Amino acid sequence: MPVVDDGASFPGVMLQSEPKDRGVYTMYHGTSVASARLIIAKGFEQSQKGMLGKGVYVSRDRKKAQRYPLNARNSDRVVLELRVRVGRVKRIDKDDHPLQYTWNAKGYDTAWVPPNCGMKAVPSGLEEDCVFDPKRVQVVGVVQSNALVSQCCDKWKCYNSTREV
């Protein structure tokens, strides 16, 4: 399946456009060093809770991923670069949306919260996606790591901030 070049990997590109159904996108996931090692070794698992319910939380906006995990020291933050097959996408763009937690039960694979939509759960105003099936999310690189996640470099391209390791 070809990768959709939506330009999300490049600074300054607007992420207002909804991910297209059945598209494949470069996205990012921010996590801790310990969790990154587990994800690299075993793959993603669904979060059991979150503003969109169960799933893997990702974003086409790298700045969004760089904020996670919340309340963590920068030295414990890792941003993974992903290849995501979004499948069928549901736009969730307001608080208390009728499908906010049930989008997957209605046949959608990914929920998309557009940037600056005004949802209280997204005070950053940055895009967020939730992919129900972890098998749709593949790690292809580490784009930010203040502490080296050593296992990655054998399999993927690895970056420390903006320079290649």
N, C-alpha and C. Protein backbone atom coordinates (compact mmCIF):
# COMPACT_ATOMS: atom_id res chain seq x y z
N MET A 1 0.85 -1.17 0.00
CA MET A 1 0.00 0.00 0.00
C MET A 1 0.90 1.24 0.00
N PRO A 2 0.67 2.21 -0.89
CA PRO A 2 1.54 3.37 -0.98
C PRO A 2 1.33 4.32 0.21
N VAL A 3 2.38 5.06 0.52
CA VAL A 3 2.30 6.05 1.58
C VAL A 3 1.75 7.34 1.00
N VAL A 4 0.79 7.92 1.68
CA VAL A 4 0.25 9.20 1.26
C VAL A 4 1.20 10.27 1.76
N ASP A 5 1.75 11.06 0.86
CA ASP A 5 2.66 12.13 1.27
C ASP A 5 1.83 13.38 1.53
N ASP A 6 1.37 13.49 2.78
CA ASP A 6 0.56 14.63 3.14
C ASP A 6 1.40 15.79 3.65
N GLY A 7 2.71 15.62 3.67
CA GLY A 7 3.59 16.69 4.10
C GLY A 7 3.65 16.90 5.59
N ALA A 8 3.00 16.04 6.36
CA ALA A 8 2.93 16.24 7.81
C ALA A 8 4.29 16.14 8.48
N SER A 9 5.24 15.52 7.83
CA SER A 9 6.56 15.36 8.42
C SER A 9 7.39 16.63 8.35
N PHE A 10 6.92 17.62 7.63
CA PHE A 10 7.71 18.82 7.42
C PHE A 10 7.15 19.99 8.22
N PRO A 11 8.02 20.75 8.90
CA PRO A 11 7.57 21.88 9.71
C PRO A 11 6.79 22.88 8.87
N GLY A 12 5.77 23.46 9.48
CA GLY A 12 5.01 24.51 8.82
C GLY A 12 3.90 24.02 7.92
N VAL A 13 3.78 22.73 7.73
CA VAL A 13 2.71 22.21 6.88
C VAL A 13 1.42 22.16 7.68
N MET A 14 0.35 22.65 7.10
CA MET A 14 -0.93 22.64 7.81
C MET A 14 -1.50 21.24 7.86
N LEU A 15 -2.06 20.89 9.00
CA LEU A 15 -2.62 19.56 9.19
C LEU A 15 -4.14 19.63 9.29
N GLN A 16 -4.73 20.59 8.61
CA GLN A 16 -6.17 20.78 8.66
C GLN A 16 -6.92 19.70 7.89
N SER A 17 -6.28 19.11 6.88
CA SER A 17 -6.99 18.15 6.06
C SER A 17 -7.15 16.83 6.80
N GLU A 18 -8.33 16.29 6.69
CA GLU A 18 -8.66 15.03 7.35
C GLU A 18 -7.86 13.90 6.71
N PRO A 19 -7.34 12.97 7.52
CA PRO A 19 -6.71 11.79 6.92
C PRO A 19 -7.72 11.08 6.00
N LYS A 20 -7.29 10.73 4.83
CA LYS A 20 -8.18 10.08 3.86
C LYS A 20 -8.40 8.62 4.22
N ASP A 21 -9.64 8.15 4.06
CA ASP A 21 -9.95 6.75 4.31
C ASP A 21 -8.97 5.87 3.53
N ARG A 22 -8.51 4.81 4.18
CA ARG A 22 -7.61 3.82 3.62
C ARG A 22 -6.22 4.36 3.31
N GLY A 23 -5.91 5.58 3.74
CA GLY A 23 -4.58 6.14 3.51
C GLY A 23 -3.55 5.57 4.46
N VAL A 24 -2.30 5.76 4.09
CA VAL A 24 -1.17 5.37 4.94
C VAL A 24 -0.38 6.65 5.20
N TYR A 25 -0.17 6.95 6.48
CA TYR A 25 0.43 8.22 6.87
C TYR A 25 1.63 8.04 7.78
N THR A 26 2.53 9.02 7.71
CA THR A 26 3.59 9.14 8.70
C THR A 26 2.97 9.85 9.89
N MET A 27 3.06 9.22 11.06
CA MET A 27 2.54 9.82 12.29
C MET A 27 3.56 9.61 13.39
N TYR A 28 3.26 10.16 14.56
CA TYR A 28 4.21 10.14 15.67
C TYR A 28 3.50 9.75 16.96
N HIS A 29 4.27 9.15 17.86
CA HIS A 29 3.76 8.76 19.18
C HIS A 29 4.81 9.13 20.21
N GLY A 30 4.41 9.93 21.19
CA GLY A 30 5.31 10.30 22.27
C GLY A 30 5.11 9.37 23.46
N THR A 31 6.22 8.93 24.03
CA THR A 31 6.14 7.98 25.14
C THR A 31 7.40 8.09 26.00
N SER A 32 7.48 7.28 27.03
CA SER A 32 8.67 7.25 27.89
C SER A 32 9.71 6.30 27.29
N VAL A 33 10.93 6.40 27.80
CA VAL A 33 12.00 5.51 27.33
C VAL A 33 11.62 4.05 27.58
N ALA A 34 11.12 3.75 28.78
CA ALA A 34 10.75 2.36 29.11
C ALA A 34 9.64 1.85 28.20
N SER A 35 8.62 2.68 27.98
CA SER A 35 7.52 2.25 27.10
C SER A 35 7.98 2.11 25.66
N ALA A 36 8.88 3.00 25.21
CA ALA A 36 9.40 2.90 23.84
C ALA A 36 10.11 1.57 23.64
N ARG A 37 10.88 1.14 24.63
CA ARG A 37 11.56 -0.15 24.52
C ARG A 37 10.56 -1.30 24.40
N LEU A 38 9.48 -1.25 25.17
CA LEU A 38 8.45 -2.29 25.09
C LEU A 38 7.74 -2.26 23.74
N ILE A 39 7.42 -1.06 23.26
CA ILE A 39 6.74 -0.94 21.96
C ILE A 39 7.64 -1.48 20.86
N ILE A 40 8.92 -1.14 20.90
CA ILE A 40 9.86 -1.61 19.88
C ILE A 40 9.98 -3.13 19.93
N ALA A 41 9.99 -3.71 21.12
CA ALA A 41 10.14 -5.16 21.27
C ALA A 41 8.87 -5.93 20.94
N LYS A 42 7.71 -5.41 21.35
CA LYS A 42 6.47 -6.19 21.26
C LYS A 42 5.36 -5.56 20.44
N GLY A 43 5.54 -4.33 19.99
CA GLY A 43 4.48 -3.64 19.26
C GLY A 43 3.57 -2.88 20.21
N PHE A 44 2.66 -2.14 19.61
CA PHE A 44 1.73 -1.33 20.40
C PHE A 44 0.64 -2.18 21.03
N GLU A 45 0.11 -1.68 22.14
CA GLU A 45 -1.10 -2.21 22.77
C GLU A 45 -2.08 -1.05 22.86
N GLN A 46 -3.37 -1.36 22.86
CA GLN A 46 -4.39 -0.33 23.01
C GLN A 46 -4.30 0.33 24.38
N SER A 47 -4.43 1.66 24.41
CA SER A 47 -4.70 2.33 25.67
C SER A 47 -6.13 1.96 26.03
N GLN A 48 -6.39 1.75 27.29
CA GLN A 48 -7.73 1.34 27.71
C GLN A 48 -8.64 2.52 27.98
N LYS A 49 -8.06 3.71 28.06
CA LYS A 49 -8.87 4.90 28.28
C LYS A 49 -8.23 6.07 27.57
N GLY A 50 -8.97 7.11 27.42
CA GLY A 50 -8.49 8.31 26.75
C GLY A 50 -9.67 9.09 26.24
N MET A 51 -9.41 10.26 25.69
CA MET A 51 -10.50 11.13 25.25
C MET A 51 -11.31 10.54 24.10
N LEU A 52 -10.76 9.53 23.42
CA LEU A 52 -11.47 8.87 22.32
C LEU A 52 -11.71 7.39 22.59
N GLY A 53 -11.51 6.98 23.82
CA GLY A 53 -11.70 5.58 24.17
C GLY A 53 -10.46 4.74 23.91
N LYS A 54 -10.67 3.45 23.68
CA LYS A 54 -9.56 2.51 23.47
C LYS A 54 -8.88 2.74 22.13
N GLY A 55 -7.55 2.53 22.13
CA GLY A 55 -6.80 2.62 20.89
C GLY A 55 -5.38 3.08 21.11
N VAL A 56 -4.67 3.28 20.01
CA VAL A 56 -3.30 3.79 20.03
C VAL A 56 -3.39 5.26 19.64
N TYR A 57 -2.89 6.13 20.51
CA TYR A 57 -2.97 7.57 20.28
C TYR A 57 -1.74 8.06 19.54
N VAL A 58 -1.97 8.72 18.40
CA VAL A 58 -0.90 9.17 17.51
C VAL A 58 -1.28 10.53 16.94
N SER A 59 -0.34 11.15 16.24
CA SER A 59 -0.62 12.42 15.57
C SER A 59 0.28 12.57 14.37
N ARG A 60 -0.22 13.26 13.34
CA ARG A 60 0.63 13.62 12.21
C ARG A 60 1.51 14.81 12.58
N ASP A 61 1.19 15.46 13.69
CA ASP A 61 1.93 16.63 14.15
C ASP A 61 2.98 16.20 15.18
N ARG A 62 4.23 16.26 14.79
CA ARG A 62 5.31 15.83 15.67
C ARG A 62 5.34 16.65 16.97
N LYS A 63 4.94 17.92 16.89
CA LYS A 63 4.91 18.77 18.09
C LYS A 63 3.95 18.21 19.13
N LYS A 64 2.87 17.62 18.69
CA LYS A 64 1.92 17.00 19.63
C LYS A 64 2.60 15.84 20.36
N ALA A 65 3.26 14.98 19.62
CA ALA A 65 3.92 13.81 20.22
C ALA A 65 5.04 14.21 21.18
N GLN A 66 5.71 15.32 20.90
CA GLN A 66 6.82 15.75 21.74
C GLN A 66 6.38 16.15 23.14
N ARG A 67 5.09 16.36 23.36
CA ARG A 67 4.57 16.76 24.67
C ARG A 67 4.34 15.57 25.61
N TYR A 68 4.49 14.37 25.09
CA TYR A 68 4.15 13.17 25.87
C TYR A 68 5.39 12.37 26.25
N PRO A 69 5.29 11.66 27.37
CA PRO A 69 4.18 11.63 28.31
C PRO A 69 4.09 12.95 29.08
N LEU A 70 2.87 13.35 29.38
CA LEU A 70 2.64 14.57 30.14
C LEU A 70 3.34 14.45 31.49
N ASN A 71 3.82 15.54 31.99
CA ASN A 71 4.49 15.61 33.30
C ASN A 71 5.78 14.80 33.38
N ALA A 72 6.33 14.38 32.26
CA ALA A 72 7.61 13.66 32.27
C ALA A 72 8.76 14.64 32.03
N ARG A 73 9.93 14.27 32.51
CA ARG A 73 11.13 15.06 32.21
C ARG A 73 11.47 14.86 30.73
N ASN A 74 12.05 15.88 30.13
CA ASN A 74 12.45 15.77 28.72
C ASN A 74 13.38 14.59 28.49
N SER A 75 14.21 14.28 29.47
CA SER A 75 15.16 13.17 29.32
C SER A 75 14.48 11.81 29.26
N ASP A 76 13.21 11.74 29.65
CA ASP A 76 12.47 10.47 29.60
C ASP A 76 11.49 10.42 28.44
N ARG A 77 11.55 11.39 27.54
CA ARG A 77 10.61 11.43 26.41
C ARG A 77 11.26 10.88 25.14
N VAL A 78 10.48 10.08 24.43
CA VAL A 78 10.89 9.51 23.15
C VAL A 78 9.75 9.73 22.17
N VAL A 79 10.07 10.12 20.94
CA VAL A 79 9.05 10.24 19.89
C VAL A 79 9.36 9.18 18.84
N LEU A 80 8.39 8.31 18.63
CA LEU A 80 8.51 7.25 17.62
C LEU A 80 7.88 7.72 16.32
N GLU A 81 8.54 7.44 15.21
CA GLU A 81 7.96 7.70 13.89
C GLU A 81 7.24 6.43 13.47
N LEU A 82 6.04 6.62 12.94
CA LEU A 82 5.17 5.49 12.62
C LEU A 82 4.70 5.52 11.19
N ARG A 83 4.32 4.37 10.69
CA ARG A 83 3.58 4.23 9.45
C ARG A 83 2.21 3.72 9.88
N VAL A 84 1.17 4.50 9.61
CA VAL A 84 -0.18 4.18 10.11
C VAL A 84 -1.14 3.99 8.94
N ARG A 85 -1.79 2.84 8.92
CA ARG A 85 -2.87 2.57 7.96
C ARG A 85 -4.17 2.96 8.65
N VAL A 86 -4.73 4.10 8.29
CA VAL A 86 -5.85 4.65 9.05
C VAL A 86 -7.18 3.93 8.83
N GLY A 87 -7.34 3.24 7.71
CA GLY A 87 -8.63 2.59 7.46
C GLY A 87 -9.73 3.62 7.29
N ARG A 88 -10.88 3.35 7.87
CA ARG A 88 -12.02 4.27 7.81
C ARG A 88 -11.91 5.29 8.95
N VAL A 89 -11.98 6.58 8.63
CA VAL A 89 -11.72 7.65 9.59
C VAL A 89 -12.99 8.39 9.97
N LYS A 90 -13.18 8.60 11.29
CA LYS A 90 -14.30 9.39 11.81
C LYS A 90 -13.77 10.69 12.40
N ARG A 91 -14.30 11.80 11.97
CA ARG A 91 -13.94 13.12 12.50
C ARG A 91 -14.70 13.35 13.81
N ILE A 92 -13.97 13.64 14.87
CA ILE A 92 -14.56 13.96 16.18
C ILE A 92 -14.10 15.39 16.48
N ASP A 93 -15.01 16.35 16.36
CA ASP A 93 -14.58 17.75 16.40
C ASP A 93 -15.31 18.62 17.41
N LYS A 94 -15.96 17.98 18.39
CA LYS A 94 -16.61 18.77 19.44
C LYS A 94 -16.73 17.94 20.70
N ASP A 95 -16.78 18.63 21.84
CA ASP A 95 -16.97 17.94 23.11
C ASP A 95 -18.30 17.20 23.09
N ASP A 96 -18.33 16.05 23.73
CA ASP A 96 -19.54 15.22 23.82
C ASP A 96 -20.08 14.81 22.45
N HIS A 97 -19.20 14.62 21.50
CA HIS A 97 -19.60 14.11 20.17
C HIS A 97 -20.30 12.77 20.39
N PRO A 98 -21.39 12.50 19.68
CA PRO A 98 -22.13 11.25 19.91
C PRO A 98 -21.31 9.98 19.68
N LEU A 99 -20.25 10.05 18.88
CA LEU A 99 -19.41 8.86 18.62
C LEU A 99 -18.03 8.97 19.28
N GLN A 100 -17.87 9.89 20.22
CA GLN A 100 -16.55 10.13 20.82
C GLN A 100 -15.90 8.86 21.36
N TYR A 101 -16.68 7.98 21.96
CA TYR A 101 -16.12 6.74 22.53
C TYR A 101 -16.56 5.48 21.78
N THR A 102 -17.46 5.62 20.83
CA THR A 102 -18.06 4.44 20.18
C THR A 102 -17.80 4.38 18.67
N TRP A 103 -16.90 5.19 18.17
CA TRP A 103 -16.64 5.25 16.74
C TRP A 103 -16.25 3.90 16.16
N ASN A 104 -15.48 3.09 16.90
CA ASN A 104 -15.07 1.79 16.37
C ASN A 104 -16.26 0.85 16.24
N ALA A 105 -17.17 0.89 17.18
CA ALA A 105 -18.37 0.03 17.13
C ALA A 105 -19.25 0.39 15.93
N LYS A 106 -19.08 1.57 15.38
CA LYS A 106 -19.85 2.01 14.21
C LYS A 106 -19.09 1.79 12.91
N GLY A 107 -17.99 1.02 12.97
CA GLY A 107 -17.29 0.64 11.74
C GLY A 107 -16.09 1.50 11.37
N TYR A 108 -15.66 2.39 12.25
CA TYR A 108 -14.51 3.23 11.95
C TYR A 108 -13.25 2.63 12.57
N ASP A 109 -12.12 2.81 11.88
CA ASP A 109 -10.84 2.28 12.35
C ASP A 109 -10.03 3.32 13.12
N THR A 110 -10.24 4.59 12.77
CA THR A 110 -9.49 5.70 13.36
C THR A 110 -10.42 6.85 13.66
N ALA A 111 -10.21 7.47 14.82
CA ALA A 111 -10.91 8.72 15.15
C ALA A 111 -9.90 9.85 15.00
N TRP A 112 -10.33 10.95 14.39
CA TRP A 112 -9.45 12.09 14.12
C TRP A 112 -10.01 13.34 14.77
N VAL A 113 -9.21 13.99 15.60
CA VAL A 113 -9.56 15.28 16.19
C VAL A 113 -8.75 16.33 15.44
N PRO A 114 -9.43 17.20 14.68
CA PRO A 114 -8.70 18.20 13.91
C PRO A 114 -8.07 19.26 14.81
N PRO A 115 -7.05 19.94 14.31
CA PRO A 115 -6.43 20.99 15.11
C PRO A 115 -7.39 22.15 15.33
N ASN A 116 -7.25 22.79 16.48
CA ASN A 116 -8.01 23.99 16.81
C ASN A 116 -9.52 23.81 16.70
N CYS A 117 -10.02 22.63 17.05
CA CYS A 117 -11.46 22.39 16.96
C CYS A 117 -12.20 22.84 18.21
N GLY A 118 -11.46 23.21 19.25
CA GLY A 118 -12.10 23.73 20.46
C GLY A 118 -12.45 22.71 21.52
N MET A 119 -12.07 21.46 21.33
CA MET A 119 -12.38 20.46 22.35
C MET A 119 -11.58 20.75 23.61
N LYS A 120 -12.24 20.69 24.76
CA LYS A 120 -11.59 20.97 26.05
C LYS A 120 -10.48 19.98 26.35
N ALA A 121 -10.62 18.75 25.89
CA ALA A 121 -9.61 17.72 26.16
C ALA A 121 -8.34 17.92 25.34
N VAL A 122 -8.35 18.88 24.41
CA VAL A 122 -7.17 19.15 23.58
C VAL A 122 -6.80 20.64 23.69
N PRO A 123 -6.33 21.06 24.87
CA PRO A 123 -6.01 22.47 25.05
C PRO A 123 -4.87 22.97 24.16
N SER A 124 -4.03 22.06 23.68
CA SER A 124 -2.92 22.45 22.80
C SER A 124 -3.43 22.90 21.43
N GLY A 125 -4.62 22.46 21.05
CA GLY A 125 -5.14 22.77 19.72
C GLY A 125 -4.47 21.98 18.62
N LEU A 126 -3.68 20.97 18.97
CA LEU A 126 -2.96 20.17 17.97
C LEU A 126 -3.74 18.91 17.63
N GLU A 127 -3.56 18.45 16.40
CA GLU A 127 -4.25 17.26 15.90
C GLU A 127 -3.98 16.03 16.75
N GLU A 128 -4.99 15.18 16.86
CA GLU A 128 -4.82 13.91 17.56
C GLU A 128 -5.62 12.83 16.83
N ASP A 129 -5.07 11.63 16.80
CA ASP A 129 -5.74 10.49 16.18
C ASP A 129 -5.72 9.33 17.16
N CYS A 130 -6.74 8.49 17.07
CA CYS A 130 -6.77 7.26 17.86
C CYS A 130 -7.07 6.11 16.90
N VAL A 131 -6.16 5.16 16.83
CA VAL A 131 -6.28 4.01 15.94
C VAL A 131 -6.67 2.81 16.79
N PHE A 132 -7.82 2.21 16.50
CA PHE A 132 -8.35 1.15 17.35
C PHE A 132 -7.46 -0.10 17.35
N ASP A 133 -7.05 -0.56 16.18
CA ASP A 133 -6.28 -1.80 16.07
C ASP A 133 -4.78 -1.51 16.04
N PRO A 134 -4.04 -1.93 17.06
CA PRO A 134 -2.60 -1.68 17.09
C PRO A 134 -1.85 -2.24 15.88
N LYS A 135 -2.40 -3.24 15.21
CA LYS A 135 -1.73 -3.82 14.04
C LYS A 135 -1.68 -2.85 12.86
N ARG A 136 -2.45 -1.78 12.93
CA ARG A 136 -2.44 -0.76 11.88
C ARG A 136 -1.29 0.24 12.07
N VAL A 137 -0.57 0.12 13.18
CA VAL A 137 0.48 1.08 13.54
C VAL A 137 1.83 0.37 13.57
N GLN A 138 2.76 0.83 12.74
CA GLN A 138 4.09 0.21 12.65
C GLN A 138 5.16 1.25 12.97
N VAL A 139 6.06 0.91 13.87
CA VAL A 139 7.20 1.79 14.18
C VAL A 139 8.21 1.70 13.04
N VAL A 140 8.63 2.86 12.54
CA VAL A 140 9.65 2.87 11.48
C VAL A 140 10.90 3.65 11.89
N GLY A 141 10.84 4.33 13.03
CA GLY A 141 12.02 5.08 13.46
C GLY A 141 11.82 5.75 14.80
N VAL A 142 12.91 6.26 15.32
CA VAL A 142 12.90 7.06 16.54
C VAL A 142 13.38 8.43 16.13
N VAL A 143 12.54 9.44 16.25
CA VAL A 143 12.90 10.77 15.78
C VAL A 143 13.35 11.70 16.89
N GLN A 144 13.07 11.33 18.12
CA GLN A 144 13.56 12.14 19.24
C GLN A 144 13.79 11.23 20.43
N SER A 145 14.98 11.31 20.97
CA SER A 145 15.28 10.55 22.17
C SER A 145 16.48 11.18 22.85
N ASN A 146 16.27 11.70 24.05
CA ASN A 146 17.38 12.26 24.81
C ASN A 146 18.19 11.14 25.45
N ALA A 147 17.56 10.02 25.69
CA ALA A 147 18.26 8.83 26.17
C ALA A 147 18.13 7.80 25.05
N LEU A 148 19.23 7.31 24.55
CA LEU A 148 19.21 6.40 23.40
C LEU A 148 18.40 5.15 23.68
N VAL A 149 17.50 4.85 22.78
CA VAL A 149 16.74 3.61 22.84
C VAL A 149 17.50 2.65 21.94
N SER A 150 18.44 1.93 22.52
CA SER A 150 19.47 1.23 21.75
C SER A 150 18.94 0.19 20.77
N GLN A 151 17.86 -0.50 21.09
CA GLN A 151 17.39 -1.55 20.20
C GLN A 151 16.96 -1.02 18.84
N CYS A 152 16.58 0.24 18.76
CA CYS A 152 16.01 0.76 17.52
C CYS A 152 17.02 0.83 16.39
N CYS A 153 18.23 1.11 16.69
CA CYS A 153 19.17 1.44 15.63
C CYS A 153 19.53 0.26 14.74
N ASP A 154 19.29 -0.95 15.19
CA ASP A 154 19.53 -2.10 14.34
C ASP A 154 18.44 -2.25 13.29
N LYS A 155 17.22 -1.78 13.60
CA LYS A 155 16.08 -2.00 12.72
C LYS A 155 15.66 -0.77 11.92
N TRP A 156 15.81 0.42 12.50
CA TRP A 156 15.23 1.61 11.90
C TRP A 156 16.21 2.76 11.85
N LYS A 157 15.79 3.78 11.14
CA LYS A 157 16.55 5.02 11.20
C LYS A 157 16.29 5.66 12.56
N CYS A 158 17.31 6.18 13.15
CA CYS A 158 17.17 6.79 14.47
C CYS A 158 17.73 8.19 14.44
N TYR A 159 17.04 9.09 15.08
CA TYR A 159 17.45 10.48 15.14
C TYR A 159 17.46 10.93 16.58
N ASN A 160 18.40 11.78 16.90
CA ASN A 160 18.45 12.41 18.21
C ASN A 160 18.22 13.88 17.95
N SER A 161 17.06 14.37 18.32
CA SER A 161 16.63 15.72 18.00
C SER A 161 16.61 15.84 16.48
N THR A 162 17.54 16.62 15.90
CA THR A 162 17.50 16.81 14.45
C THR A 162 18.70 16.18 13.74
N ARG A 163 19.56 15.49 14.46
CA ARG A 163 20.71 14.89 13.77
C ARG A 163 20.59 13.37 13.79
N GLU A 164 21.02 12.75 12.72
CA GLU A 164 20.95 11.30 12.64
C GLU A 164 22.00 10.68 13.54
N VAL A 165 21.62 9.58 14.21
CA VAL A 165 22.54 8.86 15.10
C VAL A 165 23.21 7.75 14.32
